[in-house]
Protein backbone atom coordinates (compact mmCIF):
# COMPACT_ATOMS: atom_id res chain seq x y z
CA MET A 1 -31.47 -21.95 -2.27
CA THR A 2 -28.43 -19.66 -2.23
CA GLU A 3 -28.91 -19.03 1.51
CA ASP A 4 -28.62 -22.76 2.22
CA LEU A 5 -25.59 -23.16 -0.04
CA LEU A 6 -23.66 -20.39 1.70
CA ARG A 7 -24.62 -21.47 5.21
CA GLN A 8 -23.10 -24.92 4.76
CA PRO A 9 -19.62 -23.63 3.78
CA ALA A 10 -19.65 -21.40 6.88
CA ARG A 11 -20.05 -24.45 9.11
CA GLN A 12 -17.31 -26.28 7.22
CA VAL A 13 -14.89 -23.37 7.56
CA LEU A 14 -15.54 -22.99 11.28
CA ARG A 15 -14.79 -26.66 11.94
CA ARG A 16 -11.19 -25.57 11.43
CA ALA A 17 -9.99 -23.10 14.02
CA VAL A 18 -9.47 -19.55 12.73
CA PRO A 19 -5.93 -18.63 13.83
CA ALA A 20 -5.61 -15.95 16.49
CA ASP A 21 -2.54 -14.61 14.64
CA PRO A 22 -3.20 -14.28 10.88
CA GLY A 23 0.55 -14.40 10.25
CA PHE A 24 3.06 -12.56 8.07
CA GLY A 25 3.39 -12.53 4.30
CA VAL A 26 5.26 -10.78 1.51
CA TYR A 27 3.70 -9.26 -1.60
CA VAL A 28 6.02 -8.67 -4.59
CA HIS A 29 4.76 -6.47 -7.44
CA TRP A 30 6.05 -6.94 -10.99
CA PRO A 31 4.55 -3.97 -12.86
CA PHE A 32 4.99 -4.92 -16.52
CA CYS A 33 2.48 -6.31 -19.01
CA LYS A 34 2.57 -7.09 -22.72
CA ALA A 35 -0.64 -5.07 -23.16
CA LYS A 36 -2.97 -3.08 -20.93
CA CYS A 37 -6.43 -4.63 -20.61
CA PRO A 38 -9.23 -2.06 -21.09
CA TYR A 39 -10.90 -2.90 -17.75
CA CYS A 40 -7.71 -2.85 -15.65
CA ASP A 41 -6.79 -0.08 -13.21
CA PHE A 42 -3.93 -2.00 -11.56
CA ASN A 43 -0.42 -0.58 -11.50
CA SER A 44 0.67 -2.17 -14.77
CA HIS A 45 2.80 -0.72 -17.55
CA VAL A 46 3.64 -1.65 -21.13
CA ARG A 47 7.21 -1.12 -22.37
CA HIS A 48 8.49 -1.51 -25.92
CA SER A 49 11.75 -3.04 -24.73
CA PRO A 50 12.13 -5.61 -21.92
CA PRO A 51 13.17 -4.26 -18.52
CA ASP A 52 16.63 -4.97 -17.14
CA GLN A 53 15.69 -7.84 -14.84
CA ALA A 54 19.11 -8.00 -13.17
CA ARG A 55 18.81 -4.33 -12.23
CA PHE A 56 15.32 -4.90 -10.85
CA VAL A 57 16.49 -7.92 -8.84
CA ALA A 58 19.13 -5.74 -7.17
CA ALA A 59 16.45 -3.17 -6.32
CA PHE A 60 14.08 -5.80 -4.95
CA ARG A 61 16.89 -7.09 -2.73
CA ALA A 62 17.60 -3.58 -1.45
CA GLU A 63 13.96 -2.87 -0.65
CA ILE A 64 13.56 -6.23 1.10
CA THR A 65 16.59 -5.39 3.26
CA HIS A 66 15.12 -1.99 4.13
CA MET A 67 11.73 -3.47 4.96
CA ARG A 68 13.36 -6.14 7.15
CA ALA A 69 14.86 -3.33 9.24
CA LEU A 70 11.35 -1.92 9.76
CA THR A 71 9.59 -5.18 10.61
CA GLY A 72 12.24 -6.95 12.62
CA GLN A 73 12.30 -10.73 12.81
CA ARG A 74 9.37 -12.55 11.23
CA ARG A 75 8.57 -15.92 9.72
CA THR A 76 6.85 -15.92 6.34
CA GLN A 77 3.70 -17.95 5.83
CA SER A 78 3.08 -16.80 2.26
CA VAL A 79 4.63 -14.98 -0.69
CA PHE A 80 2.59 -13.62 -3.59
CA PHE A 81 4.03 -12.41 -6.90
CA GLY A 82 1.38 -10.11 -8.39
CA GLY A 83 1.22 -7.52 -11.10
CA GLY A 84 1.26 -6.62 -13.85
CA THR A 85 2.26 -9.95 -15.28
CA PRO A 86 4.77 -11.75 -13.04
CA SER A 87 5.03 -14.60 -15.55
CA LEU A 88 7.05 -12.19 -17.72
CA MET A 89 9.86 -12.62 -15.17
CA GLU A 90 12.55 -15.15 -15.85
CA PRO A 91 12.47 -18.08 -13.40
CA ALA A 92 15.94 -17.01 -12.25
CA THR A 93 14.53 -13.59 -11.31
CA VAL A 94 11.79 -15.20 -9.23
CA GLY A 95 14.36 -17.48 -7.58
CA ALA A 96 16.65 -14.57 -6.69
CA ILE A 97 13.80 -12.61 -5.10
CA LEU A 98 12.70 -15.65 -3.09
CA GLU A 99 16.27 -16.13 -1.85
CA ALA A 100 16.30 -12.52 -0.63
CA ILE A 101 12.95 -12.98 1.13
CA GLU A 102 14.16 -16.20 2.76
CA ALA A 103 17.27 -14.39 4.03
CA ALA A 104 15.18 -11.57 5.51
CA TRP A 105 12.16 -13.46 6.82
CA PRO A 106 12.67 -17.26 6.81
CA LEU A 107 9.88 -19.15 5.08
CA ASP A 108 7.82 -21.70 6.97
CA ARG A 109 8.36 -25.22 5.70
CA ASP A 110 4.86 -25.26 4.23
CA ALA A 111 4.82 -21.62 3.09
CA GLU A 112 2.55 -20.87 0.16
CA VAL A 113 4.37 -19.19 -2.76
CA THR A 114 1.98 -17.99 -5.48
CA LEU A 115 2.76 -16.48 -8.88
CA GLU A 116 0.18 -14.86 -11.14
CA ALA A 117 0.48 -15.86 -14.79
CA ASN A 118 -1.10 -15.16 -18.13
CA PRO A 119 -2.13 -18.29 -20.00
CA THR A 120 -0.18 -17.79 -23.19
CA SER A 121 1.87 -20.66 -24.52
CA VAL A 122 5.19 -18.81 -24.10
CA GLU A 123 4.58 -18.12 -20.41
CA ALA A 124 3.15 -21.58 -19.76
CA ALA A 125 6.43 -23.07 -20.92
CA ARG A 126 8.14 -21.37 -17.98
CA PHE A 127 6.00 -23.04 -15.33
CA ARG A 128 8.44 -25.81 -14.54
CA GLY A 129 11.17 -23.21 -14.13
CA TYR A 130 9.06 -21.34 -11.61
CA ARG A 131 8.40 -24.57 -9.73
CA ALA A 132 12.13 -25.23 -9.51
CA ALA A 133 12.65 -21.64 -8.27
CA GLY A 134 10.33 -22.26 -5.30
CA VAL A 135 6.84 -21.33 -6.53
CA ASN A 136 4.30 -23.94 -5.39
CA ARG A 137 1.02 -22.32 -6.47
CA VAL A 138 0.04 -20.55 -9.68
CA SER A 139 -2.92 -18.27 -10.37
CA LEU A 140 -3.89 -17.96 -14.03
CA GLY A 141 -5.64 -14.93 -15.49
CA VAL A 142 -7.98 -16.91 -17.76
CA GLN A 143 -10.85 -14.34 -17.41
CA ALA A 144 -13.22 -16.08 -19.88
CA LEU A 145 -13.70 -19.33 -21.76
CA ASP A 146 -15.33 -17.65 -24.74
CA ASP A 147 -13.16 -16.26 -27.56
CA ALA A 148 -15.46 -13.34 -28.35
CA ALA A 149 -15.53 -12.34 -24.67
CA LEU A 150 -11.74 -12.63 -24.46
CA ARG A 151 -11.34 -10.29 -27.42
CA ALA A 152 -13.77 -7.81 -25.86
CA LEU A 153 -11.78 -7.96 -22.62
CA GLY A 154 -8.57 -7.20 -24.49
CA ARG A 155 -6.98 -10.54 -23.66
CA MET A 156 -4.19 -11.90 -25.85
CA HIS A 157 -5.07 -15.59 -25.57
CA SER A 158 -7.86 -17.81 -26.81
CA ALA A 159 -10.00 -20.13 -24.71
CA GLU A 160 -8.10 -23.08 -26.17
CA GLU A 161 -4.74 -21.55 -25.19
CA ALA A 162 -6.07 -20.85 -21.71
CA LEU A 163 -7.16 -24.44 -21.17
CA ALA A 164 -3.82 -25.71 -22.51
CA ALA A 165 -2.03 -23.47 -20.00
CA VAL A 166 -4.23 -24.80 -17.19
CA ALA A 167 -3.21 -28.34 -18.16
CA VAL A 168 0.49 -27.38 -18.15
CA ALA A 169 0.08 -25.66 -14.78
CA ARG A 170 -1.63 -28.68 -13.24
CA ALA A 171 1.27 -30.86 -14.41
CA ALA A 172 3.82 -28.53 -12.81
CA PHE A 173 2.04 -27.49 -9.59
CA GLU A 174 -0.06 -29.23 -7.00
CA ARG A 175 -2.02 -26.03 -6.40
CA VAL A 176 -3.63 -24.16 -9.31
CA SER A 177 -6.18 -21.37 -9.36
CA PHE A 178 -7.61 -19.30 -12.15
CA ASP A 179 -9.68 -16.15 -12.53
CA LEU A 180 -12.86 -15.56 -14.49
CA ILE A 181 -14.76 -12.33 -15.05
CA TYR A 182 -18.55 -12.47 -15.27
CA ALA A 183 -21.45 -9.99 -15.48
CA ARG A 184 -20.09 -9.15 -18.92
CA PRO A 185 -22.23 -7.28 -21.46
CA GLU A 186 -25.20 -9.36 -22.65
CA GLN A 187 -24.13 -12.38 -20.57
CA SER A 188 -27.08 -14.52 -19.49
CA PRO A 189 -27.23 -16.60 -16.29
CA ASP A 190 -27.56 -19.80 -18.35
CA ALA A 191 -24.51 -18.99 -20.47
CA TRP A 192 -22.48 -18.09 -17.39
CA GLY A 193 -23.53 -21.28 -15.62
CA ALA A 194 -22.36 -23.35 -18.60
CA GLU A 195 -19.05 -21.47 -18.81
CA LEU A 196 -18.48 -21.90 -15.08
CA ALA A 197 -19.25 -25.63 -15.27
CA ARG A 198 -16.70 -25.94 -18.07
CA ALA A 199 -14.11 -24.17 -15.90
CA ILE A 200 -14.80 -26.40 -12.91
CA ALA A 201 -14.39 -29.48 -15.12
CA GLU A 202 -10.70 -28.57 -15.44
CA GLY A 203 -10.28 -29.89 -11.91
CA CYS A 204 -8.57 -26.88 -10.28
CA GLU A 205 -8.84 -26.49 -6.52
CA HIS A 206 -9.55 -22.75 -6.47
CA LEU A 207 -11.45 -20.21 -8.57
CA SER A 208 -11.54 -16.41 -8.29
CA LEU A 209 -14.77 -15.18 -9.86
CA TYR A 210 -15.13 -11.42 -10.23
CA GLN A 211 -18.04 -9.37 -11.49
CA LEU A 212 -16.91 -6.93 -14.17
CA THR A 213 -16.41 -3.54 -12.53
CA ILE A 214 -16.10 -0.29 -14.46
CA GLU A 215 -13.06 1.49 -13.02
CA GLU A 216 -12.45 5.20 -13.52
CA GLY A 217 -9.62 6.08 -15.84
CA THR A 218 -9.88 2.90 -17.92
CA PRO A 219 -10.97 2.60 -21.57
CA PHE A 220 -14.02 0.66 -20.39
CA ALA A 221 -15.07 3.65 -18.26
CA ALA A 222 -15.03 5.91 -21.33
CA LEU A 223 -17.05 3.36 -23.35
CA HIS A 224 -19.52 2.98 -20.48
CA ARG A 225 -20.08 6.74 -20.23
CA ALA A 226 -20.64 6.90 -23.99
CA GLY A 227 -23.25 4.13 -23.78
CA ARG A 228 -21.15 1.80 -25.91
CA LEU A 229 -20.55 -0.67 -23.08
CA VAL A 230 -23.63 -1.78 -21.16
CA THR A 231 -23.18 -4.03 -18.15
CA PRO A 232 -25.98 -6.08 -16.53
CA ASP A 233 -28.39 -4.17 -14.33
CA GLY A 234 -28.76 -4.93 -10.63
CA GLU A 235 -31.35 -7.67 -11.07
CA ARG A 236 -29.37 -9.47 -13.79
CA ALA A 237 -26.11 -9.08 -11.83
CA ARG A 238 -27.76 -10.64 -8.77
CA ALA A 239 -29.02 -13.55 -10.90
CA LEU A 240 -25.48 -14.10 -12.19
CA TRP A 241 -24.14 -14.01 -8.62
CA ASP A 242 -26.72 -16.56 -7.51
CA VAL A 243 -25.75 -18.89 -10.36
CA THR A 244 -22.11 -18.52 -9.30
CA GLN A 245 -22.87 -19.64 -5.75
CA GLU A 246 -25.10 -22.52 -6.81
CA VAL A 247 -22.79 -24.00 -9.45
CA THR A 248 -19.61 -23.76 -7.38
CA ALA A 249 -21.19 -25.10 -4.17
CA ALA A 250 -22.74 -28.03 -6.02
CA ALA A 251 -19.30 -28.86 -7.45
CA GLY A 252 -17.58 -28.79 -4.05
CA LEU A 253 -15.97 -25.34 -4.41
CA PRO A 254 -18.07 -23.22 -2.05
CA ALA A 255 -17.44 -19.54 -1.50
CA TYR A 256 -15.06 -18.78 1.36
CA GLU A 257 -14.86 -15.09 0.41
CA ILE A 258 -17.22 -12.93 -1.60
CA SER A 259 -15.42 -13.62 -4.91
CA ASN A 260 -13.31 -16.68 -4.12
CA HIS A 261 -14.22 -20.37 -4.12
CA ALA A 262 -12.18 -23.40 -3.15
CA ARG A 263 -12.28 -27.01 -2.21
CA PRO A 264 -12.05 -27.25 1.61
CA GLY A 265 -8.42 -26.73 2.61
CA ALA A 266 -7.42 -25.17 -0.74
CA GLU A 267 -8.18 -21.56 0.15
CA SER A 268 -5.53 -18.99 -0.79
CA ARG A 269 -3.48 -18.59 2.37
CA HIS A 270 -2.00 -15.31 1.21
CA ASN A 271 -5.36 -13.72 0.50
CA LEU A 272 -6.72 -15.07 3.79
CA LEU A 273 -3.86 -13.21 5.45
CA TYR A 274 -5.16 -9.95 3.92
CA TRP A 275 -8.79 -10.63 4.75
CA ARG A 276 -7.95 -11.67 8.31
CA TYR A 277 -5.99 -8.42 8.65
CA GLY A 278 -2.59 -9.98 9.04
CA GLU A 279 0.79 -8.35 8.52
CA TYR A 280 2.47 -8.15 5.12
CA ALA A 281 5.41 -6.37 3.54
CA GLY A 282 4.78 -4.80 0.12
CA ILE A 283 7.80 -4.91 -2.18
CA GLY A 284 8.16 -3.40 -5.66
CA PRO A 285 6.60 -0.53 -7.64
CA GLY A 286 3.21 0.50 -6.26
CA ALA A 287 3.13 -2.20 -3.57
CA HIS A 288 1.15 -1.61 -0.38
CA GLY A 289 1.95 -3.09 3.02
CA ARG A 290 0.69 -3.31 6.58
CA ILE A 291 3.49 -3.87 9.07
CA ASP A 292 3.66 -3.90 12.86
CA THR A 293 6.46 -1.88 14.48
CA ASP A 294 7.27 -0.68 17.99
CA ASP A 295 5.13 2.37 17.14
CA GLY A 296 2.12 0.26 16.15
CA ARG A 297 0.65 -0.76 12.81
CA ARG A 298 1.85 1.19 9.81
CA ALA A 299 0.61 1.52 6.25
CA THR A 300 3.29 1.64 3.56
CA SER A 301 3.19 2.17 -0.19
CA THR A 302 5.90 2.59 -2.77
CA GLU A 303 6.42 4.71 -5.87
CA ARG A 304 4.13 3.45 -8.65
CA GLY A 305 6.24 4.26 -11.71
CA PRO A 306 8.65 1.36 -12.40
CA GLU A 307 11.57 3.51 -13.51
CA GLU A 308 10.94 6.11 -10.81
CA TRP A 309 10.78 3.34 -8.20
CA LEU A 310 14.03 1.89 -9.49
CA THR A 311 15.76 5.27 -9.25
CA ARG A 312 14.49 5.87 -5.72
CA VAL A 313 15.66 2.44 -4.54
CA GLU A 314 19.09 2.91 -6.06
CA ARG A 315 19.35 6.30 -4.37
CA PHE A 316 17.70 5.69 -0.99
CA GLY A 317 17.64 1.90 -0.58
CA HIS A 318 13.83 1.74 -0.88
CA GLY A 319 10.95 3.12 -2.95
CA ILE A 320 8.59 3.92 -0.06
CA VAL A 321 6.64 7.15 -0.58
CA LEU A 322 4.07 6.64 2.19
CA ASP A 323 4.75 5.34 5.70
CA GLU A 324 2.14 6.38 8.22
CA GLY A 325 0.76 5.09 11.47
CA LEU A 326 -2.82 3.83 11.58
CA SER A 327 -5.16 4.96 14.33
CA ARG A 328 -7.36 2.53 16.24
CA VAL A 329 -10.36 3.64 14.20
CA GLU A 330 -8.50 3.13 10.93
CA GLN A 331 -7.34 -0.34 11.97
CA SER A 332 -10.78 -1.45 13.12
CA ASP A 333 -12.38 -0.07 9.94
CA GLU A 334 -9.87 -1.98 7.79
CA TYR A 335 -10.43 -5.17 9.77
CA LEU A 336 -14.19 -4.81 9.36
CA LEU A 337 -13.97 -4.04 5.64
CA MET A 338 -11.67 -6.99 4.93
CA GLY A 339 -13.03 -9.52 7.41
CA LEU A 340 -16.70 -9.29 6.46
CA ARG A 341 -15.75 -10.43 2.95
CA LEU A 342 -15.12 -13.86 4.45
CA VAL A 343 -17.71 -16.58 5.03
CA GLU A 344 -16.05 -17.12 8.42
CA GLY A 345 -16.75 -13.47 9.29
CA ILE A 346 -14.96 -11.41 11.92
CA ASP A 347 -14.08 -11.85 15.58
CA ARG A 348 -16.05 -9.28 17.56
CA THR A 349 -13.55 -9.47 20.43
CA ARG A 350 -10.69 -8.56 18.09
CA TYR A 351 -12.73 -5.72 16.60
CA ALA A 352 -13.39 -4.35 20.08
CA ARG A 353 -9.69 -4.65 20.94
CA LEU A 354 -8.69 -2.72 17.81
CA SER A 355 -11.35 -0.02 18.05
CA GLY A 356 -11.71 0.30 21.81
CA HIS A 357 -15.45 -0.43 21.69
CA ASP A 358 -17.95 -3.02 20.50
CA PHE A 359 -20.51 -2.47 17.76
CA ASP A 360 -23.62 -0.46 18.50
CA PRO A 361 -26.12 -3.09 19.75
CA GLY A 362 -29.01 -1.38 17.98
CA ARG A 363 -27.29 -1.45 14.60
CA VAL A 364 -26.37 -5.11 15.02
CA ALA A 365 -29.92 -5.99 16.03
CA ALA A 366 -31.41 -4.09 13.07
CA LEU A 367 -29.08 -5.75 10.55
CA ARG A 368 -29.80 -9.17 12.02
CA GLU A 369 -33.53 -8.53 11.86
CA GLU A 370 -33.18 -7.53 8.19
CA GLY A 371 -31.32 -10.80 7.53
CA MET A 372 -28.10 -9.03 6.51
CA ILE A 373 -25.76 -10.43 9.18
CA GLU A 374 -25.77 -13.38 11.57
CA ALA A 375 -23.87 -14.54 14.62
CA LEU A 376 -21.53 -17.54 14.47
CA PRO A 377 -19.92 -19.59 17.26
CA GLY A 378 -16.91 -18.07 18.98
CA ASP A 379 -18.36 -14.54 19.15
CA ARG A 380 -18.08 -14.11 15.39
CA LEU A 381 -20.25 -12.08 13.06
CA ARG A 382 -20.67 -12.52 9.32
CA ALA A 383 -22.70 -11.28 6.38
CA THR A 384 -25.44 -13.57 5.13
CA ALA A 385 -26.02 -14.51 1.49
CA ARG A 386 -28.58 -11.72 1.39
CA GLY A 387 -26.06 -9.29 2.83
CA PHE A 388 -23.05 -10.14 0.64
CA PRO A 389 -24.26 -8.21 -2.44
CA VAL A 390 -24.66 -5.03 -0.32
CA LEU A 391 -21.58 -5.55 1.83
CA ASP A 392 -20.30 -1.97 1.53
CA ALA A 393 -23.52 -0.65 3.04
CA ILE A 394 -23.31 -3.16 5.92
CA VAL A 395 -19.72 -2.16 6.67
CA ALA A 396 -20.66 1.52 6.64
CA ASP A 397 -23.60 0.89 8.98
CA LEU A 398 -21.58 -1.14 11.50
CA ALA A 399 -18.65 1.29 11.46
CA ALA A 400 -20.79 4.40 11.93
């Protein structure tokens, strides 16, 4: 059944032309949180006193100016405020950063501007301010609609508060997404299906649904090693994934990426830019970027520590600590790794152009015979529903 459900979205996606140029976007990282979730390995930091937002705005402006000198003229299709918890920023801070981006890389008239938010009542009250500042899409970190699960995940809101925030967001924005984490300890497929159906009933256009992953260096990793946190085994995890595909597809939110589901036309344009291997400038502490210069594609990353980043920007005009050229092999590997996450798959012609060669015919034939990948119109290749759960192995096989 899951095979049929995923094949239909692929046809729907490919009715719309996949752009030859994935475009240019800007990622802005706000590194602060009220508390550190025990599963999180993102670059997020808790401070006892609020950061000086005016000082950070000045640093963001300086780094944007520096990055503009590296990229040259561009038009911006999408901006994404991630974190951390960007909804801890004042709306005026968001507005000032958007003004600086607009001055450096003018925004398309229909540019997507997303802000991640935590669904607490205090932050939800700011939503209209963010809308006035230029944000037109919000992504809420709901994570669960079960109070016991939320407490176990270290979240500071209840399910009721989360749903109230979703309602406020829908009143302020035309485009709303929220995240849920599944494959939690002792979670059954039936319970997850019911929770997912409840989430879909909120009427949002987009859902990001992530299996709980144990990341090194997190409190959850220590609990997992000690046997105090037991996640579903492979068979149960696959059953939960199958339920995810079936419930979302039946509700009109099919998968368009391995963990992301949307009504047709409501896909995250910014994330599509990543997965299609577009160009993006990374601004702020710990932000990564991929930019095209006269010397070819470059990978950039900035200082992770917020205060250290701030000091570097004030001294040098930017916080970049890594700026290196990417070889053809590195670019083609990144394109393969990102693009095969998508239901629309990858363009084999573009892969060959990046790498200098096509895939090994024998490897492609073997993976197709095993039902792991399939060909699509337009010389495209994608993972099947059977292949998605073992995508890393497919990527490694094709890239070898």
